[in-house]
Amino acid sequence: MASVVYTINVECFDDCDSQKNNLRCISQQDTNELIIACDSIVSIVPQKKDGDSLYRLLYFRDGEDTSDLKSKHTLLESIQLATLPTQLRKHLFTQLPSYLRSSGPEGVRIDVIVSTTSGTGTGMSFYSNILQPLLFYIGVTNYELHETKSTRTITELCYERFIPRAKQRLPQTIILLSGDGGLTDMIDAFHSTPESLLVPPTIALIPTGTGNAMANSIGLLAHPTAGLVALLQGTPTSVPTFVAEFSPGASYIIDEGRERIPITRNSANVHGHPKVYGGVVASWGLHAALVADSDTVQYRKFGADRFKLAAKELLYPSDSTEPHKFSGIVTLFKLDDQGRSKREETLACTEHMYVLASLVSSLEKDFMISPHSRPLDGRLWMVHFEPMSASRVMQVMASAYQAGQHVADESVSYGEIEGFRIEFREVDERWRRVCIDGKIIAVEHGGWVEVHKASRALLEILQHQKASPGCIDN
């Protein structure tokens, strides 16, 4: 298709900001038309052919059904344009950003990581069909590809490769095809290293997970090509984090709940309490339970709907009993009225349904858990409510899908905090599970967790600029 040269029908440019419109391309050879959705445009790369200036327009196209996955693959396609209308110049790729310049002695080290199990397992398909050809078109060929082999792959890459480079003050860019889990692995590894004199790597997050909380919250899913547009045009921004400190017996729950492993390679304080770092969410109660229960191969095939399915099973137990009431003492850490010193506020209730602190606005598409959060602003917000009927819980959760209207519910407490502490009063381990950015940690009987905002940022992420990608009215 690239050998055919097209021109753009420029008869109507009145509504060029609506992403829902189409681009009408007319072949110079046979006047055939090609319709391209405006929100599928990735970039336009200038090129020379036989001395003439042409433009290669890169866009998404749905592929054919495949026999193995029974689903459509999105492909990166291209056409050549004879001229570039002014209305499309916002897509023009003029030069490589500094974080993608890998040539020369001072070149950036570039790594591509594909999390093979994130979401529904589409990472390698996305790399092969979209990312690899895109990098070729823009002239980025000097990079190393890594496919995850286990849940430890990204952590091991950090300790063996990325952190040593950061200590040597070498610039590096990591293109991460993953959900929140891959980013959390990097946050935890970097913040757990003793040395603080690190040059932050630049992370280009291409969301391939289930919830994709970070990507949804910083605009990487605002339209189909937003993640790639951020890769080409994004602004590196520091990733705010929090640290969760646990009582000594806490351990990770892995292998669909069948195995427990200690929290290792993490820095501990003088009392030996393990620490885990995150950049998205820390929770206990219904949210942590449904994330833990739905983290199975059987559930993951449903994509983001796995959370709703798990929530219904928790709220409507098979034995027809009431939903579980989570027992524990919750203390919030807040700043005083002058915003200078911390004060403690212990909640009067000792039974809870939902205890969740978030650094991001949306935990999944349209599920706005913290409407006051702004992208990467470092503010931590707490959402809390006490036990209530299953129908009321479903009502509250449904309103979170309505632009975060749940925070206006009189049963929901919502406010900014500096951190929190939970002292668990549960006998059954099932109700002592804590969620840190999608990872599940079991706290021992009589144990506790304490979360605080971290004071330093050791990673940068390419943030999508919210300006419309533009289009042409058809």
Protein backbone atom coordinates (compact mmCIF):
# COMPACT_ATOMS: atom_id res chain seq x y z
CA MET A 1 0.00 0.00 0.00
CA ALA A 2 2.92 2.34 0.69
CA SER A 3 3.82 2.55 -3.05
CA VAL A 4 0.53 4.34 -3.79
CA VAL A 5 0.56 8.10 -3.24
CA TYR A 6 -2.54 9.74 -1.77
CA THR A 7 -3.85 13.25 -1.38
CA ILE A 8 -6.23 14.44 1.33
CA ASN A 9 -9.73 15.63 0.61
CA VAL A 10 -9.61 19.10 2.15
CA GLU A 11 -13.13 20.19 1.33
CA CYS A 12 -14.25 20.19 4.96
CA PHE A 13 -11.96 21.27 7.78
CA ASP A 14 -14.54 22.96 9.97
CA ASP A 15 -14.52 20.33 12.73
CA CYS A 16 -10.91 19.18 12.86
CA ASP A 17 -10.78 18.70 16.63
CA SER A 18 -13.24 15.84 16.92
CA GLN A 19 -11.44 12.50 17.21
CA LYS A 20 -14.53 10.64 16.01
CA ASN A 21 -14.30 11.93 12.44
CA ASN A 22 -12.56 10.34 9.47
CA LEU A 23 -9.80 11.26 7.09
CA ARG A 24 -10.60 10.79 3.39
CA CYS A 25 -7.53 9.89 1.32
CA ILE A 26 -7.72 9.81 -2.49
CA SER A 27 -5.25 7.78 -4.57
CA GLN A 28 -3.45 9.79 -7.27
CA GLN A 29 -3.18 6.66 -9.43
CA ASP A 30 -6.77 5.44 -9.66
CA THR A 31 -8.83 7.91 -7.53
CA ASN A 32 -9.79 5.15 -5.11
CA GLU A 33 -10.60 6.38 -1.64
CA LEU A 34 -9.23 5.19 1.66
CA ILE A 35 -11.00 6.19 4.88
CA ILE A 36 -8.85 6.47 8.01
CA ALA A 37 -10.28 7.15 11.44
CA CYS A 38 -8.76 10.31 12.86
CA ASP A 39 -8.16 8.79 16.28
CA SER A 40 -6.15 5.98 14.66
CA ILE A 41 -3.38 8.30 13.38
CA VAL A 42 -0.07 7.66 15.15
CA SER A 43 2.32 9.97 13.35
CA ILE A 44 3.34 11.42 9.99
CA VAL A 45 6.98 10.92 9.04
CA PRO A 46 8.57 13.04 6.28
CA GLN A 47 10.62 11.17 3.65
CA LYS A 48 12.35 11.66 0.32
CA LYS A 49 11.62 9.56 -2.78
CA ASP A 50 13.32 10.21 -6.13
CA GLY A 51 14.08 13.72 -4.95
CA ASP A 52 10.46 14.44 -4.08
CA SER A 53 9.22 15.25 -0.59
CA LEU A 54 6.56 12.84 0.59
CA TYR A 55 4.97 12.04 3.92
CA ARG A 56 4.32 8.62 5.40
CA LEU A 57 1.15 8.57 7.49
CA LEU A 58 1.14 5.82 10.13
CA TYR A 59 -2.18 4.65 11.48
CA PHE A 60 -3.93 1.74 13.22
CA ARG A 61 -5.96 -0.76 11.26
CA ASP A 62 -7.84 -3.76 12.63
CA GLY A 63 -6.44 -7.02 11.28
CA GLU A 64 -8.29 -10.18 10.37
CA ASP A 65 -9.51 -12.72 12.89
CA THR A 66 -6.76 -15.16 13.86
CA SER A 67 -7.44 -18.84 14.33
CA ASP A 68 -5.40 -19.14 17.50
CA LEU A 69 -6.66 -16.18 19.54
CA LYS A 70 -10.09 -15.76 17.95
CA SER A 71 -9.70 -12.01 18.09
CA LYS A 72 -8.72 -9.14 15.86
CA HIS A 73 -5.15 -7.88 15.94
CA THR A 74 -4.52 -4.18 15.49
CA LEU A 75 -1.87 -3.50 12.86
CA LEU A 76 0.28 -0.47 12.07
CA GLU A 77 -0.34 0.50 8.45
CA SER A 78 1.07 3.34 6.38
CA ILE A 79 0.28 5.34 3.27
CA GLN A 80 2.27 7.97 1.41
CA LEU A 81 0.91 11.50 1.11
CA ALA A 82 1.89 13.88 -1.65
CA THR A 83 1.26 16.94 0.50
CA LEU A 84 0.56 17.62 4.15
CA PRO A 85 -2.48 19.79 4.95
CA THR A 86 -1.93 22.36 7.67
CA GLN A 87 -4.57 20.69 9.81
CA LEU A 88 -2.43 17.55 10.07
CA ARG A 89 0.87 19.20 10.94
CA LYS A 90 0.36 18.48 14.64
CA HIS A 91 1.07 14.84 13.75
CA LEU A 92 4.34 15.62 11.93
CA PHE A 93 7.36 13.83 13.34
CA THR A 94 10.25 16.25 12.83
CA GLN A 95 13.06 14.76 14.92
CA LEU A 96 13.82 12.08 17.46
CA PRO A 97 13.24 13.23 21.04
CA SER A 98 16.37 13.11 23.19
CA TYR A 99 15.18 10.03 25.07
CA LEU A 100 15.09 7.99 21.82
CA ARG A 101 18.50 9.03 20.44
CA SER A 102 20.62 5.93 20.83
CA SER A 103 23.46 6.67 18.42
CA GLY A 104 26.87 8.06 19.34
CA PRO A 105 28.97 7.69 22.51
CA GLU A 106 26.46 9.70 24.53
CA GLY A 107 23.49 7.85 23.12
CA VAL A 108 20.61 6.69 25.26
CA ARG A 109 20.39 3.00 26.10
CA ILE A 110 16.99 1.77 24.95
CA ASP A 111 15.31 -1.40 26.18
CA VAL A 112 11.90 -2.78 25.25
CA ILE A 113 10.21 -5.00 27.84
CA VAL A 114 7.17 -7.08 26.89
CA SER A 115 5.19 -8.46 29.81
CA THR A 116 3.91 -11.66 28.24
CA THR A 117 1.20 -12.31 30.84
CA SER A 118 -0.21 -8.80 31.38
CA GLY A 119 -3.93 -8.53 30.72
CA THR A 120 -5.00 -11.02 28.08
CA GLY A 121 -1.45 -11.64 26.88
CA THR A 122 -1.40 -9.33 23.84
CA GLY A 123 1.98 -7.72 24.55
CA MET A 124 4.08 -9.61 21.96
CA SER A 125 1.43 -9.17 19.31
CA PHE A 126 1.43 -5.41 19.94
CA TYR A 127 5.23 -5.32 19.75
CA SER A 128 5.41 -7.30 16.49
CA ASN A 129 2.50 -5.62 14.70
CA ILE A 130 2.82 -2.05 15.92
CA LEU A 131 5.80 -1.03 18.06
CA GLN A 132 8.56 -2.73 16.08
CA PRO A 133 7.52 -1.24 12.71
CA LEU A 134 6.94 2.17 14.31
CA LEU A 135 10.46 2.24 15.74
CA PHE A 136 11.80 1.25 12.32
CA TYR A 137 9.91 4.06 10.58
CA ILE A 138 11.30 6.70 12.93
CA GLY A 139 14.84 5.33 12.75
CA VAL A 140 15.18 3.64 16.15
CA THR A 141 16.85 0.27 15.57
CA ASN A 142 19.46 0.14 18.33
CA TYR A 143 17.56 -1.35 21.26
CA GLU A 144 17.31 -4.61 23.17
CA LEU A 145 14.11 -6.64 23.49
CA HIS A 146 13.20 -8.53 26.67
CA GLU A 147 10.24 -10.88 27.10
CA THR A 148 9.20 -11.69 30.65
CA LYS A 149 9.76 -15.32 31.59
CA SER A 150 8.47 -15.13 35.15
CA THR A 151 7.05 -12.70 37.70
CA ARG A 152 10.65 -11.82 38.62
CA THR A 153 11.92 -10.89 35.14
CA ILE A 154 11.42 -7.12 35.37
CA THR A 155 12.77 -6.97 38.92
CA GLU A 156 15.85 -8.92 37.87
CA LEU A 157 16.41 -6.63 34.88
CA CYS A 158 16.29 -3.66 37.22
CA TYR A 159 18.93 -5.04 39.60
CA GLU A 160 21.16 -6.50 36.91
CA ARG A 161 20.95 -3.80 34.25
CA PHE A 162 18.87 -0.68 34.84
CA ILE A 163 19.94 0.27 38.37
CA PRO A 164 23.69 -0.19 37.66
CA ARG A 165 23.31 2.11 34.65
CA ALA A 166 21.48 4.68 36.77
CA LYS A 167 24.30 4.56 39.32
CA GLN A 168 26.75 5.23 36.48
CA ARG A 169 24.58 8.19 35.48
CA LEU A 170 23.93 6.72 32.04
CA PRO A 171 20.77 7.93 30.30
CA GLN A 172 18.33 5.14 29.46
CA THR A 173 14.81 4.73 28.14
CA ILE A 174 12.67 1.71 28.91
CA ILE A 175 9.68 1.07 26.67
CA LEU A 176 7.42 -1.01 28.88
CA LEU A 177 4.56 -3.02 27.38
CA SER A 178 2.79 -3.92 30.58
CA GLY A 179 0.02 -3.17 33.01
CA ASP A 180 0.53 -1.56 36.41
CA GLY A 181 2.45 -4.59 37.69
CA GLY A 182 5.48 -4.05 35.48
CA LEU A 183 5.74 -0.39 36.46
CA THR A 184 5.37 -1.33 40.13
CA ASP A 185 8.22 -3.84 39.83
CA MET A 186 10.45 -1.02 38.61
CA ILE A 187 9.27 1.43 41.27
CA ASP A 188 9.87 -1.11 44.03
CA ALA A 189 13.30 -2.13 42.75
CA PHE A 190 14.62 1.40 42.25
CA HIS A 191 13.34 2.70 45.57
CA SER A 192 14.65 -0.33 47.41
CA THR A 193 18.22 0.24 46.31
CA PRO A 194 20.37 1.83 49.07
CA GLU A 195 22.04 4.46 46.89
CA SER A 196 20.04 7.58 46.16
CA LEU A 197 22.35 9.17 43.57
CA LEU A 198 20.62 7.72 40.54
CA VAL A 199 19.84 9.21 37.13
CA PRO A 200 16.14 8.44 36.63
CA PRO A 201 15.44 6.31 33.56
CA THR A 202 12.66 7.45 31.25
CA ILE A 203 9.79 4.97 31.04
CA ALA A 204 7.49 4.88 28.05
CA LEU A 205 4.50 2.91 29.27
CA ILE A 206 2.49 1.13 26.59
CA PRO A 207 -0.55 -0.21 28.50
CA THR A 208 -1.29 -3.89 27.89
CA GLY A 209 -2.71 -4.82 31.31
CA THR A 210 -6.20 -5.33 32.65
CA GLY A 211 -6.92 -2.24 34.72
CA ASN A 212 -4.07 0.02 33.54
CA ALA A 213 -4.65 2.50 36.37
CA MET A 214 -1.54 4.58 35.73
CA ALA A 215 -2.11 4.69 31.98
CA ASN A 216 -5.77 5.65 32.35
CA SER A 217 -4.90 8.36 34.87
CA ILE A 218 -2.14 10.08 32.86
CA GLY A 219 -3.93 10.03 29.51
CA LEU A 220 -2.24 7.06 27.81
CA LEU A 221 -5.64 5.57 26.95
CA ALA A 222 -7.40 8.82 26.06
CA HIS A 223 -7.61 7.55 22.47
CA PRO A 224 -6.27 4.42 20.74
CA THR A 225 -2.89 5.86 19.78
CA ALA A 226 -2.25 7.93 22.93
CA GLY A 227 0.45 5.61 24.31
CA LEU A 228 2.46 5.77 21.11
CA VAL A 229 1.94 9.52 20.76
CA ALA A 230 3.38 9.86 24.28
CA LEU A 231 6.35 7.73 23.19
CA LEU A 232 7.02 10.12 20.31
CA GLN A 233 6.07 13.45 21.86
CA GLY A 234 5.67 12.94 25.61
CA THR A 235 7.21 14.91 28.45
CA PRO A 236 9.23 12.97 31.06
CA THR A 237 7.62 13.58 34.46
CA SER A 238 8.67 12.28 37.88
CA VAL A 239 6.64 9.35 39.21
CA PRO A 240 5.44 10.03 42.79
CA THR A 241 5.46 6.98 45.05
CA PHE A 242 4.50 5.70 48.47
CA VAL A 243 6.14 3.20 50.79
CA ALA A 244 4.20 0.48 52.60
CA GLU A 245 5.92 -0.84 55.73
CA PHE A 246 4.71 -4.17 57.09
CA SER A 247 4.97 -6.14 60.29
CA PRO A 248 7.75 -8.77 60.10
CA GLY A 249 5.64 -11.76 59.01
CA ALA A 250 4.14 -10.25 55.86
CA SER A 251 4.66 -12.13 52.58
CA TYR A 252 3.66 -11.97 48.92
CA ILE A 253 0.84 -14.21 47.73
CA ILE A 254 1.66 -15.70 44.31
CA ASP A 255 0.70 -18.58 42.01
CA GLU A 256 -3.04 -17.90 42.23
CA GLY A 257 -2.92 -17.90 46.01
CA ARG A 258 -1.12 -21.21 46.37
CA GLU A 259 2.29 -19.93 47.44
CA ARG A 260 3.77 -17.41 49.90
CA ILE A 261 7.19 -15.85 49.44
CA PRO A 262 9.01 -13.40 51.73
CA ILE A 263 9.38 -9.76 50.80
CA THR A 264 13.06 -9.82 49.77
CA ARG A 265 15.65 -7.43 48.33
CA ASN A 266 13.82 -4.55 49.90
CA SER A 267 15.37 -2.09 52.27
CA ALA A 268 14.15 -2.49 55.83
CA ASN A 269 14.27 -0.11 58.74
CA VAL A 270 16.26 -0.71 61.92
CA HIS A 271 13.48 -2.93 63.25
CA GLY A 272 13.64 -5.20 60.21
CA HIS A 273 10.17 -4.36 58.93
CA PRO A 274 9.84 -5.17 55.20
CA LYS A 275 8.96 -2.37 52.82
CA VAL A 276 7.17 -2.35 49.48
CA TYR A 277 7.00 0.69 47.20
CA GLY A 278 4.14 1.59 44.87
CA GLY A 279 2.89 4.38 42.66
CA VAL A 280 -0.80 3.66 42.18
CA VAL A 281 -2.89 2.26 45.04
CA ALA A 282 -2.69 0.72 48.49
CA SER A 283 -5.85 -0.95 49.76
CA TRP A 284 -7.46 -3.35 52.19
CA GLY A 285 -11.00 -4.67 52.31
CA LEU A 286 -13.23 -5.24 49.31
CA HIS A 287 -10.81 -3.83 46.72
CA ALA A 288 -7.83 -5.89 47.87
CA ALA A 289 -9.98 -9.02 48.16
CA LEU A 290 -11.45 -8.77 44.67
CA VAL A 291 -8.03 -8.07 43.11
CA ALA A 292 -6.61 -11.10 44.91
CA ASP A 293 -9.51 -13.41 44.11
CA SER A 294 -9.57 -12.45 40.43
CA ASP A 295 -5.83 -12.93 39.86
CA THR A 296 -6.21 -16.28 38.14
CA VAL A 297 -5.92 -17.52 34.57
CA GLN A 298 -9.64 -18.29 34.59
CA TYR A 299 -10.60 -14.75 35.61
CA ARG A 300 -8.00 -12.92 33.48
CA LYS A 301 -9.58 -14.08 30.26
CA PHE A 302 -12.45 -11.68 31.04
CA GLY A 303 -10.13 -8.66 30.98
CA ALA A 304 -11.21 -5.76 33.21
CA ASP A 305 -14.56 -7.46 33.83
CA ARG A 306 -12.75 -9.89 36.13
CA PHE A 307 -12.92 -7.29 38.89
CA LYS A 308 -16.69 -6.95 38.62
CA LEU A 309 -17.15 -10.73 38.61
CA ALA A 310 -14.99 -11.16 41.70
CA ALA A 311 -16.77 -8.30 43.46
CA LYS A 312 -20.16 -9.94 42.94
CA GLU A 313 -18.92 -13.21 44.42
CA LEU A 314 -17.57 -11.37 47.47
CA LEU A 315 -20.74 -9.36 47.96
CA TYR A 316 -23.11 -12.25 47.34
CA PRO A 317 -21.48 -15.30 48.99
CA SER A 318 -22.66 -18.70 47.81
CA ASP A 319 -23.84 -19.57 51.33
CA SER A 320 -26.24 -16.58 51.21
CA THR A 321 -24.55 -14.85 54.16
CA GLU A 322 -23.90 -11.12 54.40
CA PRO A 323 -20.70 -9.70 52.88
CA HIS A 324 -17.68 -9.92 55.17
CA LYS A 325 -17.06 -7.05 57.59
CA PHE A 326 -13.32 -6.35 57.71
CA SER A 327 -12.12 -5.89 61.28
CA GLY A 328 -9.22 -3.62 62.19
CA ILE A 329 -8.10 -0.25 63.54
CA VAL A 330 -7.48 2.36 60.84
CA THR A 331 -5.48 5.50 61.58
CA LEU A 332 -5.09 8.31 59.05
CA PHE A 333 -2.09 10.65 58.93
CA LYS A 334 -2.96 14.15 57.80
CA LEU A 335 -1.37 17.58 57.75
CA ASP A 336 -2.58 20.21 60.21
CA ASP A 337 -4.55 23.23 59.10
CA GLN A 338 -1.31 25.09 58.32
CA GLY A 339 -0.07 22.19 56.19
CA ARG A 340 3.12 21.85 58.21
CA SER A 341 3.05 19.01 60.72
CA LYS A 342 1.29 15.64 60.68
CA ARG A 343 -1.57 14.72 62.92
CA GLU A 344 -3.20 11.36 63.53
CA GLU A 345 -6.88 10.56 63.20
CA THR A 346 -8.04 7.11 64.29
CA LEU A 347 -11.37 6.15 62.77
CA ALA A 348 -14.08 5.48 65.33
CA CYS A 349 -15.33 2.40 63.50
CA THR A 350 -13.47 -0.91 63.77
CA GLU A 351 -15.36 -2.67 60.98
CA HIS A 352 -14.79 -1.62 57.37
CA MET A 353 -15.78 -2.47 53.83
CA TYR A 354 -13.47 -0.31 51.73
CA VAL A 355 -10.10 1.23 52.66
CA LEU A 356 -8.17 2.54 49.67
CA ALA A 357 -5.47 5.19 49.21
CA SER A 358 -4.65 6.30 45.67
CA LEU A 359 -2.07 8.44 43.91
CA VAL A 360 -4.04 8.22 40.64
CA SER A 361 -7.53 9.16 39.55
CA SER A 362 -8.76 6.05 37.72
CA LEU A 363 -8.16 2.40 38.54
CA GLU A 364 -9.52 1.25 35.18
CA LYS A 365 -11.31 2.78 32.22
CA ASP A 366 -14.11 5.05 33.49
CA PHE A 367 -13.67 3.83 37.10
CA MET A 368 -12.67 7.16 38.68
CA ILE A 369 -11.86 6.26 42.25
CA SER A 370 -10.31 9.66 43.11
CA PRO A 371 -11.84 12.52 41.11
CA HIS A 372 -9.68 15.16 42.80
CA SER A 373 -6.42 13.49 41.73
CA ARG A 374 -4.43 15.11 38.95
CA PRO A 375 -1.81 13.32 36.83
CA LEU A 376 1.41 12.72 38.77
CA ASP A 377 0.72 15.50 41.29
CA GLY A 378 1.91 13.35 44.23
CA ARG A 379 -1.21 13.86 46.34
CA LEU A 380 -2.56 10.81 48.18
CA TRP A 381 -6.34 10.44 48.59
CA MET A 382 -8.26 8.05 50.84
CA VAL A 383 -11.62 6.48 49.99
CA HIS A 384 -13.32 4.71 52.91
CA PHE A 385 -16.70 3.35 53.83
CA GLU A 386 -18.04 1.07 56.51
CA PRO A 387 -19.90 -2.23 56.03
CA MET A 388 -23.19 -1.92 54.16
CA SER A 389 -25.56 -4.15 52.25
CA ALA A 390 -24.38 -5.71 49.01
CA SER A 391 -26.86 -3.66 47.00
CA ARG A 392 -25.59 -0.42 48.57
CA VAL A 393 -21.99 -1.37 47.84
CA MET A 394 -22.88 -2.04 44.22
CA GLN A 395 -24.65 1.31 44.08
CA VAL A 396 -21.60 3.13 45.45
CA MET A 397 -19.23 1.33 43.11
CA ALA A 398 -21.48 2.00 40.12
CA SER A 399 -21.40 5.72 40.87
CA ALA A 400 -17.60 5.63 40.66
CA TYR A 401 -18.11 4.91 36.96
CA GLN A 402 -20.07 8.16 36.73
CA ALA A 403 -17.05 10.50 36.88
CA GLY A 404 -16.34 9.65 40.51
CA GLN A 405 -19.75 10.60 41.92
CA HIS A 406 -19.36 8.05 44.73
CA VAL A 407 -17.35 10.58 46.75
CA ALA A 408 -20.52 12.66 47.13
CA ASP A 409 -22.33 9.73 48.77
CA GLU A 410 -22.95 10.41 52.46
CA SER A 411 -21.72 6.90 53.32
CA VAL A 412 -18.32 7.48 51.69
CA SER A 413 -15.44 9.31 53.34
CA TYR A 414 -13.01 10.92 50.90
CA GLY A 415 -10.08 13.22 51.63
CA GLU A 416 -6.39 13.90 51.18
CA ILE A 417 -3.97 12.15 53.53
CA GLU A 418 -0.24 11.81 54.05
CA GLY A 419 -0.54 8.13 54.93
CA PHE A 420 -2.42 5.56 57.00
CA ARG A 421 -1.95 2.57 59.32
CA ILE A 422 -4.05 -0.58 59.70
CA GLU A 423 -3.84 -2.91 62.69
CA PHE A 424 -5.57 -6.11 61.65
CA ARG A 425 -8.04 -7.91 63.88
CA GLU A 426 -8.81 -10.77 61.53
CA VAL A 427 -8.17 -14.45 62.24
CA ASP A 428 -8.62 -15.74 58.67
CA GLU A 429 -5.74 -14.74 56.36
CA ARG A 430 -8.21 -14.18 53.53
CA TRP A 431 -9.29 -10.95 55.21
CA ARG A 432 -5.73 -9.80 55.96
CA ARG A 433 -4.70 -9.38 52.33
CA VAL A 434 -3.35 -5.98 51.27
CA CYS A 435 -3.15 -4.77 47.67
CA ILE A 436 -0.14 -2.69 46.60
CA ASP A 437 -0.50 -1.74 42.94
CA GLY A 438 -2.13 -5.07 42.12
CA LYS A 439 0.32 -7.19 44.10
CA ILE A 440 -1.19 -9.03 47.05
CA ILE A 441 0.53 -9.23 50.43
CA ALA A 442 -0.69 -11.34 53.33
CA VAL A 443 -0.16 -9.89 56.79
CA GLU A 444 0.28 -12.26 59.72
CA HIS A 445 -2.30 -12.59 62.49
CA GLY A 446 -2.03 -9.53 64.73
CA GLY A 447 0.10 -7.73 62.15
CA TRP A 448 -0.11 -4.29 60.63
CA VAL A 449 0.72 -2.14 57.59
CA GLU A 450 1.68 1.53 57.50
CA VAL A 451 1.75 3.60 54.30
CA HIS A 452 3.40 6.99 53.75
CA LYS A 453 4.19 9.10 50.73
CA ALA A 454 7.81 8.68 49.64
CA SER A 455 10.00 11.77 49.62
CA ARG A 456 11.99 11.05 46.45
CA ALA A 457 11.19 10.14 42.85
CA LEU A 458 13.61 7.82 41.04
CA LEU A 459 11.72 7.20 37.81
CA GLU A 460 10.30 9.39 35.06
CA ILE A 461 7.38 8.46 32.85
CA LEU A 462 6.36 9.92 29.50
CA GLN A 463 3.09 11.69 30.09
CA HIS A 464 0.56 12.11 27.30
CA GLN A 465 -0.25 15.73 26.58
CA LYS A 466 -4.01 16.14 26.76
CA ALA A 467 -4.34 18.25 23.63
CA SER A 468 -6.55 16.62 21.05
CA PRO A 469 -4.63 14.68 18.42
CA GLY A 470 -6.76 16.47 15.87
CA CYS A 471 -8.59 15.22 12.82
CA ILE A 472 -10.44 16.21 9.75
CA ASP A 473 -14.18 16.31 9.41
CA ASN A 474 -15.36 13.97 6.72
